[in-house]
Every structure is written in C-alpha cells, then in structure tokens.
Full PDB file with SEQRES, HELIX, SHEET, SSBOND, CRYST1, ORIGX, SCALE, CONECT and MASTER records, all heavy atoms in Angstrom:
SEQRES   1 A   32  ALA ASP SER VAL ARG GLY ARG PHE THR VAL SER ARG ASP          
SEQRES   2 A   32  ASN ALA LYS ASP THR ILE TYR LEU GLN MET ASN SER LEU          
SEQRES   3 A   32  LYS PRO GLU ASP THR ALA                                      
HELIX    1 AA1 ASN A   14  LYS A   16  5                                   3    
HELIX    2 AA2 PRO A   28  ASP A   30  5                                   3    
SHEET    1 AA1 2 PHE A   8  ASP A  13  0                                        
SHEET    2 AA1 2 THR A  18  MET A  23 -1                                        
CRYST1    1.000    1.000    1.000  90.00  90.00  90.00 P 1           1          
ORIGX1      1.000000  0.000000  0.000000        0.00000                         
ORIGX2      0.000000  1.000000  0.000000        0.00000                         
ORIGX3      0.000000  0.000000  1.000000        0.00000                         
SCALE1      1.000000  0.000000  0.000000        0.00000                         
SCALE2      0.000000  1.000000  0.000000        0.00000                         
SCALE3      0.000000  0.000000  1.000000        0.00000                         
ATOM      1  N   ALA A   1     103.599 -80.627 118.488  1.00  0.00           N  
ATOM      2  CA  ALA A   1     102.166 -80.712 118.270  1.00  0.00           C  
ATOM      3  C   ALA A   1     101.805 -82.127 117.843  1.00  0.00           C  
ATOM      4  O   ALA A   1     102.606 -82.818 117.195  1.00  0.00           O  
ATOM      5  CB  ALA A   1     101.729 -79.710 117.210  1.00  0.00           C  
ATOM      6  N   ASP A   2     100.596 -82.566 118.196  1.00  0.00           N  
ATOM      7  CA  ASP A   2     100.171 -83.915 117.843  1.00  0.00           C  
ATOM      8  C   ASP A   2     100.222 -84.159 116.338  1.00  0.00           C  
ATOM      9  O   ASP A   2     100.506 -85.273 115.890  1.00  0.00           O  
ATOM     10  CB  ASP A   2      98.751 -84.169 118.358  1.00  0.00           C  
ATOM     11  CG  ASP A   2      98.686 -84.274 119.869  1.00  0.00           C  
ATOM     12  OD1 ASP A   2      99.725 -84.503 120.507  1.00  0.00           O  
ATOM     13  OD2 ASP A   2      97.574 -84.133 120.424  1.00  0.00           O  
ATOM     14  N   SER A   3      99.954 -83.125 115.564  1.00  0.00           N  
ATOM     15  CA  SER A   3      99.881 -83.263 114.123  1.00  0.00           C  
ATOM     16  C   SER A   3     101.232 -83.543 113.465  1.00  0.00           C  
ATOM     17  O   SER A   3     101.268 -84.013 112.326  1.00  0.00           O  
ATOM     18  CB  SER A   3      99.265 -82.002 113.505  1.00  0.00           C  
ATOM     19  OG  SER A   3     100.027 -80.856 113.827  1.00  0.00           O  
ATOM     20  N   VAL A   4     102.336 -83.260 114.167  1.00  0.00           N  
ATOM     21  CA  VAL A   4     103.658 -83.439 113.568  1.00  0.00           C  
ATOM     22  C   VAL A   4     104.533 -84.425 114.325  1.00  0.00           C  
ATOM     23  O   VAL A   4     105.609 -84.788 113.834  1.00  0.00           O  
ATOM     24  CB  VAL A   4     104.406 -82.091 113.445  1.00  0.00           C  
ATOM     25  CG1 VAL A   4     103.564 -81.074 112.698  1.00  0.00           C  
ATOM     26  CG2 VAL A   4     104.810 -81.557 114.815  1.00  0.00           C  
ATOM     27  N   ARG A   5     104.096 -84.856 115.495  1.00  0.00           N  
ATOM     28  CA  ARG A   5     104.894 -85.768 116.307  1.00  0.00           C  
ATOM     29  C   ARG A   5     105.197 -87.047 115.538  1.00  0.00           C  
ATOM     30  O   ARG A   5     104.311 -87.664 114.962  1.00  0.00           O  
ATOM     31  CB  ARG A   5     104.182 -86.085 117.613  1.00  0.00           C  
ATOM     32  CG  ARG A   5     105.024 -86.919 118.590  1.00  0.00           C  
ATOM     33  CD  ARG A   5     104.305 -87.124 119.927  1.00  0.00           C  
ATOM     34  NE  ARG A   5     104.125 -85.867 120.642  1.00  0.00           N  
ATOM     35  CZ  ARG A   5     102.953 -85.266 120.812  1.00  0.00           C  
ATOM     36  NH1 ARG A   5     101.849 -85.803 120.312  1.00  0.00           N  
ATOM     37  NH2 ARG A   5     102.882 -84.122 121.474  1.00  0.00           N  
ATOM     38  N   GLY A   6     106.471 -87.430 115.529  1.00  0.00           N  
ATOM     39  CA  GLY A   6     106.905 -88.601 114.799  1.00  0.00           C  
ATOM     40  C   GLY A   6     107.357 -88.310 113.391  1.00  0.00           C  
ATOM     41  O   GLY A   6     108.005 -89.152 112.763  1.00  0.00           O  
ATOM     42  N   ARG A   7     107.017 -87.137 112.864  1.00  0.00           N  
ATOM     43  CA  ARG A   7     107.418 -86.737 111.517  1.00  0.00           C  
ATOM     44  C   ARG A   7     108.422 -85.589 111.517  1.00  0.00           C  
ATOM     45  O   ARG A   7     109.311 -85.548 110.670  1.00  0.00           O  
ATOM     46  CB  ARG A   7     106.195 -86.324 110.692  1.00  0.00           C  
ATOM     47  CG  ARG A   7     105.182 -87.435 110.491  1.00  0.00           C  
ATOM     48  CD  ARG A   7     104.108 -87.023 109.486  1.00  0.00           C  
ATOM     49  NE  ARG A   7     103.334 -85.870 109.945  1.00  0.00           N  
ATOM     50  CZ  ARG A   7     103.251 -84.708 109.296  1.00  0.00           C  
ATOM     51  NH1 ARG A   7     103.903 -84.542 108.146  1.00  0.00           N  
ATOM     52  NH2 ARG A   7     102.505 -83.720 109.777  1.00  0.00           N  
ATOM     53  N   PHE A   8     108.267 -84.663 112.448  1.00  0.00           N  
ATOM     54  CA  PHE A   8     109.136 -83.487 112.528  1.00  0.00           C  
ATOM     55  C   PHE A   8     110.094 -83.619 113.702  1.00  0.00           C  
ATOM     56  O   PHE A   8     109.757 -84.206 114.742  1.00  0.00           O  
ATOM     57  CB  PHE A   8     108.322 -82.208 112.715  1.00  0.00           C  
ATOM     58  CG  PHE A   8     107.494 -81.799 111.530  1.00  0.00           C  
ATOM     59  CD1 PHE A   8     107.343 -82.619 110.426  1.00  0.00           C  
ATOM     60  CD2 PHE A   8     106.863 -80.565 111.529  1.00  0.00           C  
ATOM     61  CE1 PHE A   8     106.576 -82.232 109.338  1.00  0.00           C  
ATOM     62  CE2 PHE A   8     106.097 -80.162 110.455  1.00  0.00           C  
ATOM     63  CZ  PHE A   8     105.952 -80.995 109.359  1.00  0.00           C  
ATOM     64  N   THR A   9     111.288 -83.053 113.557  1.00  0.00           N  
ATOM     65  CA  THR A   9     112.273 -83.033 114.621  1.00  0.00           C  
ATOM     66  C   THR A   9     112.874 -81.638 114.734  1.00  0.00           C  
ATOM     67  O   THR A   9     113.379 -81.095 113.750  1.00  0.00           O  
ATOM     68  CB  THR A   9     113.397 -84.055 114.377  1.00  0.00           C  
ATOM     69  OG1 THR A   9     112.845 -85.367 114.256  1.00  0.00           O  
ATOM     70  CG2 THR A   9     114.392 -84.033 115.539  1.00  0.00           C  
ATOM     71  N   VAL A  10     112.818 -81.062 115.925  1.00  0.00           N  
ATOM     72  CA  VAL A  10     113.419 -79.756 116.167  1.00  0.00           C  
ATOM     73  C   VAL A  10     114.777 -79.960 116.836  1.00  0.00           C  
ATOM     74  O   VAL A  10     114.928 -80.831 117.706  1.00  0.00           O  
ATOM     75  CB  VAL A  10     112.501 -78.866 117.024  1.00  0.00           C  
ATOM     76  CG1 VAL A  10     112.239 -79.477 118.394  1.00  0.00           C  
ATOM     77  CG2 VAL A  10     113.079 -77.460 117.157  1.00  0.00           C  
ATOM     78  N   SER A  11     115.760 -79.197 116.424  1.00  0.00           N  
ATOM     79  CA  SER A  11     117.096 -79.294 116.991  1.00  0.00           C  
ATOM     80  C   SER A  11     117.746 -77.921 116.945  1.00  0.00           C  
ATOM     81  O   SER A  11     117.202 -76.978 116.372  1.00  0.00           O  
ATOM     82  CB  SER A  11     117.944 -80.324 116.240  1.00  0.00           C  
ATOM     83  OG  SER A  11     118.112 -79.954 114.883  1.00  0.00           O  
ATOM     84  N   ARG A  12     118.913 -77.806 117.560  1.00  0.00           N  
ATOM     85  CA  ARG A  12     119.616 -76.527 117.541  1.00  0.00           C  
ATOM     86  C   ARG A  12     121.110 -76.745 117.595  1.00  0.00           C  
ATOM     87  O   ARG A  12     121.602 -77.754 118.120  1.00  0.00           O  
ATOM     88  CB  ARG A  12     119.155 -75.629 118.698  1.00  0.00           C  
ATOM     89  CG  ARG A  12     119.531 -76.132 120.083  1.00  0.00           C  
ATOM     90  CD  ARG A  12     118.810 -75.324 121.167  1.00  0.00           C  
ATOM     91  NE  ARG A  12     119.129 -73.904 121.102  1.00  0.00           N  
ATOM     92  CZ  ARG A  12     118.424 -72.938 121.699  1.00  0.00           C  
ATOM     93  NH1 ARG A  12     117.350 -73.244 122.399  1.00  0.00           N  
ATOM     94  NH2 ARG A  12     118.805 -71.665 121.583  1.00  0.00           N  
ATOM     95  N   ASP A  13     121.837 -75.787 117.052  1.00  0.00           N  
ATOM     96  CA  ASP A  13     123.283 -75.758 117.098  1.00  0.00           C  
ATOM     97  C   ASP A  13     123.657 -74.404 117.686  1.00  0.00           C  
ATOM     98  O   ASP A  13     123.695 -73.399 116.980  1.00  0.00           O  
ATOM     99  CB  ASP A  13     123.881 -75.944 115.707  1.00  0.00           C  
ATOM    100  CG  ASP A  13     125.392 -76.052 115.719  1.00  0.00           C  
ATOM    101  OD1 ASP A  13     126.020 -75.647 116.720  1.00  0.00           O  
ATOM    102  OD2 ASP A  13     125.956 -76.540 114.732  1.00  0.00           O  
ATOM    103  N   ASN A  14     123.917 -74.380 118.983  1.00  0.00           N  
ATOM    104  CA  ASN A  14     124.170 -73.114 119.660  1.00  0.00           C  
ATOM    105  C   ASN A  14     125.470 -72.459 119.197  1.00  0.00           C  
ATOM    106  O   ASN A  14     125.598 -71.234 119.258  1.00  0.00           O  
ATOM    107  CB  ASN A  14     124.195 -73.320 121.174  1.00  0.00           C  
ATOM    108  CG  ASN A  14     122.816 -73.570 121.742  1.00  0.00           C  
ATOM    109  OD1 ASN A  14     121.805 -73.215 121.129  1.00  0.00           O  
ATOM    110  ND2 ASN A  14     122.754 -74.171 122.917  1.00  0.00           N  
ATOM    111  N   ALA A  15     126.431 -73.250 118.752  1.00  0.00           N  
ATOM    112  CA  ALA A  15     127.678 -72.690 118.237  1.00  0.00           C  
ATOM    113  C   ALA A  15     127.422 -71.856 116.984  1.00  0.00           C  
ATOM    114  O   ALA A  15     128.171 -70.921 116.693  1.00  0.00           O  
ATOM    115  CB  ALA A  15     128.678 -73.796 117.944  1.00  0.00           C  
ATOM    116  N   LYS A  16     126.372 -72.204 116.239  1.00  0.00           N  
ATOM    117  CA  LYS A  16     126.006 -71.476 115.031  1.00  0.00           C  
ATOM    118  C   LYS A  16     124.821 -70.543 115.240  1.00  0.00           C  
ATOM    119  O   LYS A  16     124.391 -69.875 114.297  1.00  0.00           O  
ATOM    120  CB  LYS A  16     125.685 -72.452 113.898  1.00  0.00           C  
ATOM    121  CG  LYS A  16     126.845 -73.322 113.470  1.00  0.00           C  
ATOM    122  CD  LYS A  16     126.434 -74.244 112.328  1.00  0.00           C  
ATOM    123  CE  LYS A  16     127.591 -75.097 111.856  1.00  0.00           C  
ATOM    124  NZ  LYS A  16     127.194 -76.003 110.751  1.00  0.00           N  
ATOM    125  N   ASP A  17     124.281 -70.504 116.465  1.00  0.00           N  
ATOM    126  CA  ASP A  17     123.094 -69.700 116.769  1.00  0.00           C  
ATOM    127  C   ASP A  17     121.965 -70.006 115.785  1.00  0.00           C  
ATOM    128  O   ASP A  17     121.310 -69.097 115.258  1.00  0.00           O  
ATOM    129  CB  ASP A  17     123.426 -68.209 116.747  1.00  0.00           C  
ATOM    130  CG  ASP A  17     124.256 -67.768 117.939  1.00  0.00           C  
ATOM    131  OD1 ASP A  17     124.201 -68.434 118.987  1.00  0.00           O  
ATOM    132  OD2 ASP A  17     124.962 -66.743 117.816  1.00  0.00           O  
ATOM    133  N   THR A  18     121.727 -71.292 115.564  1.00  0.00           N  
ATOM    134  CA  THR A  18     120.759 -71.714 114.565  1.00  0.00           C  
ATOM    135  C   THR A  18     119.829 -72.789 115.124  1.00  0.00           C  
ATOM    136  O   THR A  18     120.269 -73.703 115.815  1.00  0.00           O  
ATOM    137  CB  THR A  18     121.462 -72.251 113.312  1.00  0.00           C  
ATOM    138  OG1 THR A  18     122.306 -71.221 112.771  1.00  0.00           O  
ATOM    139  CG2 THR A  18     120.454 -72.657 112.252  1.00  0.00           C  
ATOM    140  N   ILE A  19     118.544 -72.664 114.789  1.00  0.00           N  
ATOM    141  CA  ILE A  19     117.518 -73.646 115.117  1.00  0.00           C  
ATOM    142  C   ILE A  19     117.088 -74.332 113.831  1.00  0.00           C  
ATOM    143  O   ILE A  19     116.984 -73.685 112.785  1.00  0.00           O  
ATOM    144  CB  ILE A  19     116.301 -72.982 115.789  1.00  0.00           C  
ATOM    145  CG1 ILE A  19     116.745 -72.160 116.998  1.00  0.00           C  
ATOM    146  CG2 ILE A  19     115.273 -74.029 116.203  1.00  0.00           C  
ATOM    147  CD1 ILE A  19     117.359 -72.975 118.100  1.00  0.00           C  
ATOM    148  N   TYR A  20     116.808 -75.637 113.907  1.00  0.00           N  
ATOM    149  CA  TYR A  20     116.408 -76.392 112.736  1.00  0.00           C  
ATOM    150  C   TYR A  20     115.064 -77.066 112.956  1.00  0.00           C  
ATOM    151  O   TYR A  20     114.688 -77.385 114.079  1.00  0.00           O  
ATOM    152  CB  TYR A  20     117.437 -77.472 112.399  1.00  0.00           C  
ATOM    153  CG  TYR A  20     118.828 -76.944 112.162  1.00  0.00           C  
ATOM    154  CD1 TYR A  20     119.783 -76.971 113.173  1.00  0.00           C  
ATOM    155  CD2 TYR A  20     119.186 -76.419 110.927  1.00  0.00           C  
ATOM    156  CE1 TYR A  20     121.060 -76.490 112.965  1.00  0.00           C  
ATOM    157  CE2 TYR A  20     120.460 -75.937 110.707  1.00  0.00           C  
ATOM    158  CZ  TYR A  20     121.393 -75.973 111.722  1.00  0.00           C  
ATOM    159  OH  TYR A  20     122.660 -75.494 111.502  1.00  0.00           O  
ATOM    160  N   LEU A  21     114.362 -77.292 111.865  1.00  0.00           N  
ATOM    161  CA  LEU A  21     113.159 -78.109 111.886  1.00  0.00           C  
ATOM    162  C   LEU A  21     113.250 -79.086 110.724  1.00  0.00           C  
ATOM    163  O   LEU A  21     113.092 -78.691 109.565  1.00  0.00           O  
ATOM    164  CB  LEU A  21     111.892 -77.261 111.778  1.00  0.00           C  
ATOM    165  CG  LEU A  21     110.579 -78.042 111.870  1.00  0.00           C  
ATOM    166  CD1 LEU A  21     110.405 -78.630 113.269  1.00  0.00           C  
ATOM    167  CD2 LEU A  21     109.383 -77.166 111.513  1.00  0.00           C  
ATOM    168  N   GLN A  22     113.522 -80.344 111.032  1.00  0.00           N  
ATOM    169  CA  GLN A  22     113.555 -81.391 110.028  1.00  0.00           C  
ATOM    170  C   GLN A  22     112.146 -81.925 109.850  1.00  0.00           C  
ATOM    171  O   GLN A  22     111.545 -82.423 110.800  1.00  0.00           O  
ATOM    172  CB  GLN A  22     114.498 -82.518 110.445  1.00  0.00           C  
ATOM    173  CG  GLN A  22     114.561 -83.679 109.468  1.00  0.00           C  
ATOM    174  CD  GLN A  22     115.157 -83.289 108.136  1.00  0.00           C  
ATOM    175  OE1 GLN A  22     116.183 -82.620 108.095  1.00  0.00           O  
ATOM    176  NE2 GLN A  22     114.520 -83.687 107.044  1.00  0.00           N  
ATOM    177  N   MET A  23     111.619 -81.829 108.641  1.00  0.00           N  
ATOM    178  CA  MET A  23     110.255 -82.239 108.348  1.00  0.00           C  
ATOM    179  C   MET A  23     110.289 -83.420 107.390  1.00  0.00           C  
ATOM    180  O   MET A  23     110.765 -83.298 106.259  1.00  0.00           O  
ATOM    181  CB  MET A  23     109.457 -81.082 107.747  1.00  0.00           C  
ATOM    182  CG  MET A  23     109.443 -79.832 108.623  1.00  0.00           C  
ATOM    183  SD  MET A  23     108.409 -78.502 107.934  1.00  0.00           S  
ATOM    184  CE  MET A  23     109.367 -78.101 106.471  1.00  0.00           C  
ATOM    185  N   ASN A  24     109.791 -84.560 107.840  1.00  0.00           N  
ATOM    186  CA  ASN A  24     109.729 -85.760 107.029  1.00  0.00           C  
ATOM    187  C   ASN A  24     108.277 -86.144 106.764  1.00  0.00           C  
ATOM    188  O   ASN A  24     107.363 -85.718 107.466  1.00  0.00           O  
ATOM    189  CB  ASN A  24     110.446 -86.918 107.723  1.00  0.00           C  
ATOM    190  CG  ASN A  24     111.919 -86.671 107.937  1.00  0.00           C  
ATOM    191  OD1 ASN A  24     112.563 -85.981 107.148  1.00  0.00           O  
ATOM    192  ND2 ASN A  24     112.476 -87.253 109.003  1.00  0.00           N  
ATOM    193  N   SER A  25     108.074 -86.975 105.751  1.00  0.00           N  
ATOM    194  CA  SER A  25     106.738 -87.454 105.403  1.00  0.00           C  
ATOM    195  C   SER A  25     105.737 -86.311 105.311  1.00  0.00           C  
ATOM    196  O   SER A  25     104.644 -86.359 105.883  1.00  0.00           O  
ATOM    197  CB  SER A  25     106.263 -88.497 106.426  1.00  0.00           C  
ATOM    198  OG  SER A  25     107.153 -89.593 106.481  1.00  0.00           O  
ATOM    199  N   LEU A  26     106.102 -85.283 104.581  1.00  0.00           N  
ATOM    200  CA  LEU A  26     105.270 -84.091 104.495  1.00  0.00           C  
ATOM    201  C   LEU A  26     103.924 -84.396 103.847  1.00  0.00           C  
ATOM    202  O   LEU A  26     103.825 -85.208 102.930  1.00  0.00           O  
ATOM    203  CB  LEU A  26     105.995 -83.000 103.719  1.00  0.00           C  
ATOM    204  CG  LEU A  26     107.074 -82.264 104.520  1.00  0.00           C  
ATOM    205  CD1 LEU A  26     108.015 -81.515 103.598  1.00  0.00           C  
ATOM    206  CD2 LEU A  26     106.423 -81.313 105.520  1.00  0.00           C  
ATOM    207  N   LYS A  27     102.899 -83.715 104.344  1.00  0.00           N  
ATOM    208  CA  LYS A  27     101.535 -83.858 103.864  1.00  0.00           C  
ATOM    209  C   LYS A  27     101.033 -82.512 103.341  1.00  0.00           C  
ATOM    210  O   LYS A  27     101.528 -81.469 103.760  1.00  0.00           O  
ATOM    211  CB  LYS A  27     100.619 -84.332 104.997  1.00  0.00           C  
ATOM    212  CG  LYS A  27     101.059 -85.614 105.675  1.00  0.00           C  
ATOM    213  CD  LYS A  27     100.172 -85.923 106.875  1.00  0.00           C  
ATOM    214  CE  LYS A  27     100.612 -87.186 107.572  1.00  0.00           C  
ATOM    215  NZ  LYS A  27      99.757 -87.477 108.760  1.00  0.00           N  
ATOM    216  N   PRO A  28     100.039 -82.520 102.453  1.00  0.00           N  
ATOM    217  CA  PRO A  28      99.489 -81.247 101.971  1.00  0.00           C  
ATOM    218  C   PRO A  28      99.017 -80.339 103.102  1.00  0.00           C  
ATOM    219  O   PRO A  28      99.131 -79.112 102.981  1.00  0.00           O  
ATOM    220  CB  PRO A  28      98.321 -81.684 101.080  1.00  0.00           C  
ATOM    221  CG  PRO A  28      98.741 -83.013 100.559  1.00  0.00           C  
ATOM    222  CD  PRO A  28      99.459 -83.666 101.712  1.00  0.00           C  
ATOM    223  N   GLU A  29      98.501 -80.904 104.180  1.00  0.00           N  
ATOM    224  CA  GLU A  29      98.040 -80.094 105.295  1.00  0.00           C  
ATOM    225  C   GLU A  29      99.170 -79.427 106.069  1.00  0.00           C  
ATOM    226  O   GLU A  29      98.917 -78.610 106.956  1.00  0.00           O  
ATOM    227  CB  GLU A  29      97.170 -80.919 106.256  1.00  0.00           C  
ATOM    228  CG  GLU A  29      97.808 -82.226 106.693  1.00  0.00           C  
ATOM    229  CD  GLU A  29      97.322 -83.410 105.872  1.00  0.00           C  
ATOM    230  OE1 GLU A  29      97.242 -83.284 104.635  1.00  0.00           O  
ATOM    231  OE2 GLU A  29      97.015 -84.467 106.475  1.00  0.00           O  
ATOM    232  N   ASP A  30     100.421 -79.760 105.751  1.00  0.00           N  
ATOM    233  CA  ASP A  30     101.563 -79.072 106.336  1.00  0.00           C  
ATOM    234  C   ASP A  30     101.857 -77.755 105.636  1.00  0.00           C  
ATOM    235  O   ASP A  30     102.717 -76.992 106.086  1.00  0.00           O  
ATOM    236  CB  ASP A  30     102.813 -79.953 106.289  1.00  0.00           C  
ATOM    237  CG  ASP A  30     102.690 -81.196 107.151  1.00  0.00           C  
ATOM    238  OD1 ASP A  30     102.152 -81.102 108.268  1.00  0.00           O  
ATOM    239  OD2 ASP A  30     103.154 -82.268 106.699  1.00  0.00           O  
ATOM    240  N   THR A  31     101.176 -77.485 104.538  1.00  0.00           N  
ATOM    241  CA  THR A  31     101.387 -76.257 103.786  1.00  0.00           C  
ATOM    242  C   THR A  31     101.054 -75.043 104.645  1.00  0.00           C  
ATOM    243  O   THR A  31      99.954 -74.928 105.181  1.00  0.00           O  
ATOM    244  CB  THR A  31     100.528 -76.251 102.513  1.00  0.00           C  
ATOM    245  OG1 THR A  31     100.957 -77.298 101.643  1.00  0.00           O  
ATOM    246  CG2 THR A  31     100.642 -74.918 101.786  1.00  0.00           C  
ATOM    247  N   ALA A  32     102.016 -74.142 104.782  1.00  0.00           N  
ATOM    248  CA  ALA A  32     101.844 -72.958 105.621  1.00  0.00           C  
ATOM    249  C   ALA A  32     103.104 -72.114 105.552  1.00  0.00           C  
ATOM    250  O   ALA A  32     104.128 -72.534 105.011  1.00  0.00           O  
ATOM    251  CB  ALA A  32     101.569 -73.349 107.077  1.00  0.00           C  
TER     252      ALA A  32                                                      
MASTER        0    0    0    2    2    0    0    6  251    1    0    3          
END                                                                             
C-alpha cells in the first residue's frame, strides 16, 4: 500500500510456513 511503501517489508520462510511483516518508522496512524 502507498501508506507503508518504503517502511514495511513483507517476507516469508516457506520452510517454517511463516509470513513476516517488518515494520519500520512506525507512525501513530499505523495503529490497528
């Protein structure tokens, strides 16, 4: 999404069946 591009990174580790969301430079409007 435009609101998170450049700050958030989505990745996955299929060996662990896990998805990640790395969130940097968090803002109050990210609260959810």
